[in-house]
Protein backbone atom coordinates (compact mmCIF):
# COMPACT_ATOMS: atom_id res chain seq x y z
CA UNK A 1 0.14 -0.68 -23.16
CA UNK A 2 -1.88 -3.60 -24.51
CA UNK A 3 0.35 -3.79 -27.57
CA UNK A 4 3.39 -3.83 -25.29
CA UNK A 5 2.01 -6.76 -23.36
CA UNK A 6 1.13 -5.03 -20.08
CA UNK A 7 -1.52 -6.76 -17.99
CA UNK A 8 -5.11 -5.56 -17.70
CA UNK A 9 -4.49 -4.88 -14.01
CA UNK A 10 -1.59 -2.52 -14.80
CA UNK A 11 -3.64 -0.76 -17.48
CA UNK A 12 -6.58 -0.33 -15.11
CA UNK A 13 -4.32 0.96 -12.34
CA UNK A 14 -2.56 3.48 -14.59
CA UNK A 15 -5.88 4.67 -16.00
CA UNK A 16 -7.12 5.30 -12.46
CA UNK A 17 -3.90 7.12 -11.57
CA UNK A 18 -4.06 9.28 -14.67
CA UNK A 19 -7.64 10.35 -13.91
CA UNK A 20 -6.54 11.32 -10.39
CA UNK A 21 -3.56 13.23 -11.77
CA UNK A 22 -5.79 15.10 -14.23
CA UNK A 23 -7.79 16.46 -11.29
CA UNK A 24 -4.60 17.83 -9.74
CA UNK A 25 -2.81 19.35 -12.72
CA UNK A 26 -3.02 20.34 -16.37
CA UNK A 27 -1.58 17.26 -18.07
CA UNK A 28 -0.37 19.42 -20.97
CA UNK A 29 1.83 21.37 -18.53
CA UNK A 30 4.69 19.03 -17.65
CA UNK A 31 6.27 21.37 -15.09
CA UNK A 32 3.02 21.88 -13.22
CA UNK A 33 2.36 18.14 -13.24
CA UNK A 34 5.88 17.46 -11.96
CA UNK A 35 5.36 19.97 -9.13
CA UNK A 36 2.01 18.39 -8.16
CA UNK A 37 3.55 14.92 -8.04
CA UNK A 38 6.70 15.75 -6.09
CA UNK A 39 5.13 18.22 -3.61
CA UNK A 40 2.22 16.04 -2.49
CA UNK A 41 3.11 15.44 1.16
CA UNK A 42 0.39 12.80 1.53
CA UNK A 43 2.11 10.53 -0.97
CA UNK A 44 5.02 8.28 -0.13
CA UNK A 45 8.03 8.25 -2.43
CA UNK A 46 6.77 4.96 -3.82
CA UNK A 47 3.41 6.53 -4.71
CA UNK A 48 5.15 9.53 -6.29
CA UNK A 49 7.21 7.19 -8.45
CA UNK A 50 4.06 5.29 -9.45
CA UNK A 51 2.40 8.49 -10.67
CA UNK A 52 5.63 9.51 -12.41
CA UNK A 53 5.63 6.24 -14.35
CA UNK A 54 1.96 6.71 -15.23
CA UNK A 55 2.54 10.24 -16.54
CA UNK A 56 5.59 9.10 -18.52
CA UNK A 57 3.47 6.44 -20.23
CA UNK A 58 0.80 9.03 -21.01
CA UNK A 59 3.32 11.44 -22.54
CA UNK A 60 4.83 8.64 -24.61
CA UNK A 61 1.34 7.86 -25.93
CA UNK A 62 0.74 11.46 -27.09
CA UNK A 63 4.26 11.79 -28.49
CA UNK A 64 5.75 14.08 -25.86
CA UNK A 65 8.61 13.81 -23.38
CA UNK A 66 9.54 15.48 -20.11
CA UNK A 67 12.42 15.79 -17.66
CA UNK A 68 11.30 13.04 -15.33
CA UNK A 69 12.03 13.73 -11.64
CA UNK A 70 14.38 11.35 -9.84
CA UNK A 71 12.45 9.76 -7.00
CA UNK A 72 14.14 7.21 -4.78
CA UNK A 73 11.63 5.39 -2.59
CA UNK A 74 12.70 5.03 1.02
CA UNK A 75 13.39 1.50 2.19
CA UNK A 76 10.97 0.56 4.93
CA UNK A 77 9.03 -2.44 6.10
CA UNK A 78 5.31 -2.43 5.30
CA UNK A 79 2.66 -1.81 7.95
CA UNK A 80 1.49 -5.08 9.51
CA UNK A 81 -1.79 -4.82 11.44
CA UNK A 82 -2.57 -6.95 14.47
CA UNK A 83 -4.89 -9.89 13.89
CA UNK A 84 -7.21 -8.45 16.52
CA UNK A 85 -7.45 -5.23 14.50
CA UNK A 86 -8.27 -7.12 11.30
CA UNK A 87 -10.93 -9.09 13.15
CA UNK A 88 -12.38 -5.88 14.60
CA UNK A 89 -12.81 -4.49 11.10
CA UNK A 90 -14.38 -7.71 9.85
CA UNK A 91 -16.80 -7.72 12.78
CA UNK A 92 -17.91 -4.11 12.24
CA UNK A 93 -18.21 -4.06 8.42
CA UNK A 94 -21.26 -4.98 6.39
CA UNK A 95 -21.76 -8.52 5.10
CA UNK A 96 -20.11 -8.12 1.68
CA UNK A 97 -17.13 -6.06 2.89
CA UNK A 98 -16.63 -8.37 5.88
CA UNK A 99 -16.55 -11.41 3.58
CA UNK A 100 -14.12 -9.64 1.26
CA UNK A 101 -11.80 -8.85 4.19
CA UNK A 102 -12.03 -12.40 5.55
CA UNK A 103 -11.09 -13.74 2.11
CA UNK A 104 -8.05 -11.44 1.90
CA UNK A 105 -7.04 -12.35 5.45
CA UNK A 106 -7.19 -16.11 4.90
CA UNK A 107 -5.63 -16.23 1.43
CA UNK A 108 -3.35 -13.21 1.10
CA UNK A 109 -4.47 -12.69 -2.50
CA UNK A 110 -4.44 -9.28 -4.19
CA UNK A 111 -7.68 -7.32 -4.52
CA UNK A 112 -7.26 -7.64 -8.30
CA UNK A 113 -7.28 -11.43 -7.87
CA UNK A 114 -10.21 -11.36 -5.47
CA UNK A 115 -12.55 -9.58 -7.91
CA UNK A 116 -11.78 -12.28 -10.50
CA UNK A 117 -12.97 -15.07 -8.21
CA UNK A 118 -15.89 -16.99 -9.69
CA UNK A 119 -18.29 -19.28 -7.89
CA UNK A 120 -16.70 -22.08 -9.93
CA UNK A 121 -13.40 -21.31 -8.18
CA UNK A 122 -14.91 -22.22 -4.79
CA UNK A 123 -14.80 -25.92 -3.86
CA UNK A 124 -16.58 -26.36 -0.50
CA UNK A 125 -15.86 -30.09 -0.39
CA UNK A 126 -12.09 -29.58 -0.28
CA UNK A 127 -12.38 -26.15 1.38
CA UNK A 128 -10.30 -24.44 -1.30
CA UNK A 129 -10.28 -21.45 -3.62
CA UNK A 130 -8.68 -21.68 -7.06
CA UNK A 131 -6.89 -18.36 -7.62
CA UNK A 132 -6.60 -16.84 -11.09
CA UNK A 133 -3.38 -14.79 -10.93
CA UNK A 134 -2.81 -11.14 -11.69
CA UNK A 135 0.36 -9.05 -12.13
CA UNK A 136 2.19 -11.97 -13.77
CA UNK A 137 1.82 -14.15 -10.65
CA UNK A 138 1.39 -17.91 -10.48
CA UNK A 139 -1.99 -19.63 -10.18
CA UNK A 140 -2.55 -21.53 -6.94
CA UNK A 141 -5.14 -23.40 -4.93
CA UNK A 142 -5.44 -22.17 -1.35
CA UNK A 143 -7.24 -23.63 1.68
CA UNK A 144 -10.00 -21.67 3.42
CA UNK A 145 -11.96 -22.16 6.63
CA UNK A 146 -15.52 -23.29 7.21
CA UNK A 147 -16.17 -19.81 8.56
CA UNK A 148 -15.24 -18.22 5.22
CA UNK A 149 -17.21 -20.79 3.24
CA UNK A 150 -20.31 -19.96 5.29
CA UNK A 151 -19.75 -16.23 4.76
CA UNK A 152 -19.32 -16.71 1.01
CA UNK A 153 -22.46 -18.83 0.78
CA UNK A 154 -24.49 -16.02 2.35
CA UNK A 155 -23.67 -13.70 -0.55
CA UNK A 156 -26.10 -13.43 -3.47
CA UNK A 157 -25.28 -15.67 -6.43
CA UNK A 158 -26.66 -13.37 -9.11
CA UNK A 159 -23.47 -13.12 -11.18
CA UNK A 160 -20.59 -15.30 -12.37
CA UNK A 161 -18.08 -13.67 -10.03
CA UNK A 162 -18.37 -13.86 -6.25
CA UNK A 163 -17.70 -10.14 -5.76
CA UNK A 164 -18.34 -7.10 -7.92
CA UNK A 165 -15.38 -6.30 -10.17
CA UNK A 166 -15.55 -2.62 -9.22
CA UNK A 167 -12.35 -2.29 -7.15
CA UNK A 168 -12.84 1.44 -6.58
CA UNK A 169 -16.33 0.74 -5.27
CA UNK A 170 -14.98 -1.81 -2.80
CA UNK A 171 -12.35 0.67 -1.64
CA UNK A 172 -14.92 3.42 -1.14
CA UNK A 173 -17.28 1.17 0.85
CA UNK A 174 -14.44 -0.12 2.99
CA UNK A 175 -13.05 3.37 3.61
CA UNK A 176 -16.41 4.56 4.97
CA UNK A 177 -16.88 1.51 7.22
CA UNK A 178 -13.25 1.62 8.39
CA UNK A 179 -13.58 5.25 9.46
CA UNK A 180 -16.73 4.43 11.43
CA UNK A 181 -14.97 1.50 13.14
CA UNK A 182 -11.89 3.58 13.98
CA UNK A 183 -14.03 6.27 15.60
CA UNK A 184 -16.20 3.78 17.46
CA UNK A 185 -13.26 1.75 18.78
CA UNK A 186 -11.00 4.79 19.30
CA UNK A 187 -8.21 3.06 17.38
CA UNK A 188 -6.58 5.28 14.70
CA UNK A 189 -4.38 2.35 13.58
CA UNK A 190 -7.43 0.93 11.82
CA UNK A 191 -7.25 3.82 9.36
CA UNK A 192 -3.88 2.50 8.13
CA UNK A 193 -5.38 -0.86 7.16
CA UNK A 194 -6.09 -1.10 3.45
CA UNK A 195 -6.52 -4.23 1.35
CA UNK A 196 -2.82 -4.82 0.65
CA UNK A 197 -1.61 -4.93 4.29
CA UNK A 198 -3.75 -8.04 4.71
CA UNK A 199 -1.52 -9.69 2.11
CA UNK A 200 1.56 -8.63 4.08
CA UNK A 201 -0.03 -9.91 7.30
CA UNK A 202 -0.85 -13.30 5.76
CA UNK A 203 2.66 -13.75 4.35
CA UNK A 204 4.28 -12.80 7.64
CA UNK A 205 2.08 -15.16 9.66
CA UNK A 206 2.64 -18.02 7.22
CA UNK A 207 6.39 -17.63 7.49
CA UNK A 208 6.15 -17.37 11.28
CA UNK A 209 4.18 -20.62 11.45
CA UNK A 210 6.20 -22.62 8.93
CA UNK A 211 9.62 -20.94 8.58
CA UNK A 212 9.29 -22.13 4.97
CA UNK A 213 9.89 -19.27 2.55
CA UNK A 214 9.03 -21.47 -0.46
CA UNK A 215 5.62 -22.11 1.08
CA UNK A 216 5.09 -18.36 1.45
CA UNK A 217 6.21 -17.87 -2.16
CA UNK A 218 3.52 -20.33 -3.29
CA UNK A 219 0.79 -18.73 -1.17
CA UNK A 220 1.55 -15.29 -2.61
CA UNK A 221 1.95 -16.56 -6.17
CA UNK A 222 5.37 -14.96 -6.58
CA UNK A 223 7.45 -16.03 -9.56
CA UNK A 224 10.67 -14.61 -8.10
CA UNK A 225 11.59 -15.65 -4.56
CA UNK A 226 13.46 -12.35 -4.14
CA UNK A 227 10.04 -10.70 -3.82
CA UNK A 228 9.20 -13.07 -0.96
CA UNK A 229 12.39 -12.76 1.05
CA UNK A 230 11.28 -9.50 2.69
CA UNK A 231 8.89 -11.46 4.89
CA UNK A 232 11.79 -13.11 6.69
CA UNK A 233 12.92 -9.67 7.90
CA UNK A 234 9.37 -8.60 8.72
CA UNK A 235 8.72 -11.75 10.75
CA UNK A 236 11.97 -11.39 12.66
CA UNK A 237 11.34 -7.71 13.42
CA UNK A 238 7.70 -8.22 14.35
CA UNK A 239 8.11 -11.19 16.64
CA UNK A 240 11.29 -9.87 18.25
CA UNK A 241 9.38 -6.79 19.31
CA UNK A 242 6.25 -8.65 20.40
CA UNK A 243 5.82 -9.76 23.98
CA UNK A 244 5.14 -13.36 24.86
CA UNK A 245 1.63 -12.87 26.23
CA UNK A 246 -0.85 -15.40 24.92
CA UNK A 247 -4.53 -16.14 25.00
CA UNK A 248 -4.84 -19.82 25.93
CA UNK A 249 -7.77 -22.18 25.39
CA UNK A 250 -8.43 -25.87 25.95
CA UNK A 251 -10.21 -28.34 23.67
CA UNK A 252 -11.49 -31.84 24.27
CA UNK A 253 -13.18 -32.85 21.01
CA UNK A 254 -11.95 -32.80 17.39
CA UNK A 255 -14.58 -30.15 16.57
CA UNK A 256 -13.29 -27.89 19.34
CA UNK A 257 -9.72 -28.39 18.12
CA UNK A 258 -10.75 -27.56 14.56
CA UNK A 259 -12.53 -24.35 15.61
CA UNK A 260 -9.52 -23.15 17.58
CA UNK A 261 -7.14 -23.95 14.72
CA UNK A 262 -9.35 -22.05 12.26
CA UNK A 263 -9.31 -19.06 14.63
CA UNK A 264 -5.52 -18.91 14.52
CA UNK A 265 -4.72 -20.83 17.70
CA UNK A 266 -1.75 -23.21 17.72
CA UNK A 267 -1.60 -26.40 19.79
CA UNK A 268 1.35 -26.38 22.19
CA UNK A 269 0.65 -29.18 24.68
CA UNK A 270 -1.68 -32.00 25.73
CA UNK A 271 -2.50 -33.01 29.31
CA UNK A 272 -4.73 -35.99 30.16
CA UNK A 273 -6.41 -35.85 26.77
CA UNK A 274 -6.99 -32.08 26.95
CA UNK A 275 -5.52 -30.23 23.98
CA UNK A 276 -4.00 -26.85 24.89
CA UNK A 277 -3.96 -24.07 22.31
CA UNK A 278 -2.57 -20.53 22.36
CA UNK A 279 -2.49 -17.39 20.23
CA UNK A 280 -0.47 -14.24 20.76
CA UNK A 281 -2.46 -11.30 22.11
């Protein structure tokens, strides 16, 4: 895969998938492996296709072939959590996981990009993070809040990167804390929140705020705008279905306005010098 120019992220992902597949089937038995992939009811069609591609690459490497199953992923919109649900998870997780989730929420970067973040990529003065791309994306510089800067600064600075580069470790820690939060809050929807839905949430909210698909393309680092266009449909579906109930707050000073804006509130009016902000419930 390296010789063929595939990225380190793709190689790491396929290695992880192959190890998982080896626990489920004898990799030398192509029919058994095919049956394990296609009959796994916990996997979506997209996941089945991902494991099919991984196994095909493995067989090519050892000089074998197989009759690859035809898997057509169903077309569906991704799961978009509520902001309140994301914030609940952040509030109930440990310091490192909470900071990781806040970073994903504010930037929409991939987990593979997050683990590459170095302390040198953080510029507190301009409140930005310089993102090193993965999966053939574009580099970008993204704004972050004072809240996130404070959370990042509370992490130990004992390595070059801000977070450990062990993605599986982050997933395991988050899975445990997410299950505890879901049970405590009696909200099973929290169990559907993984790292990637935070990217979908960020893209959808950015398009909702700006109606600028090129802006969303930049935030996500997409090279092809066709990959970004889905968020127009998601935004339209999500906000058509949502009610128009808001949480409203008032601010008098610039600091109060800034705090509300950083919390996701949008200014909608001003009366006698009082700034009125709102955010959908």
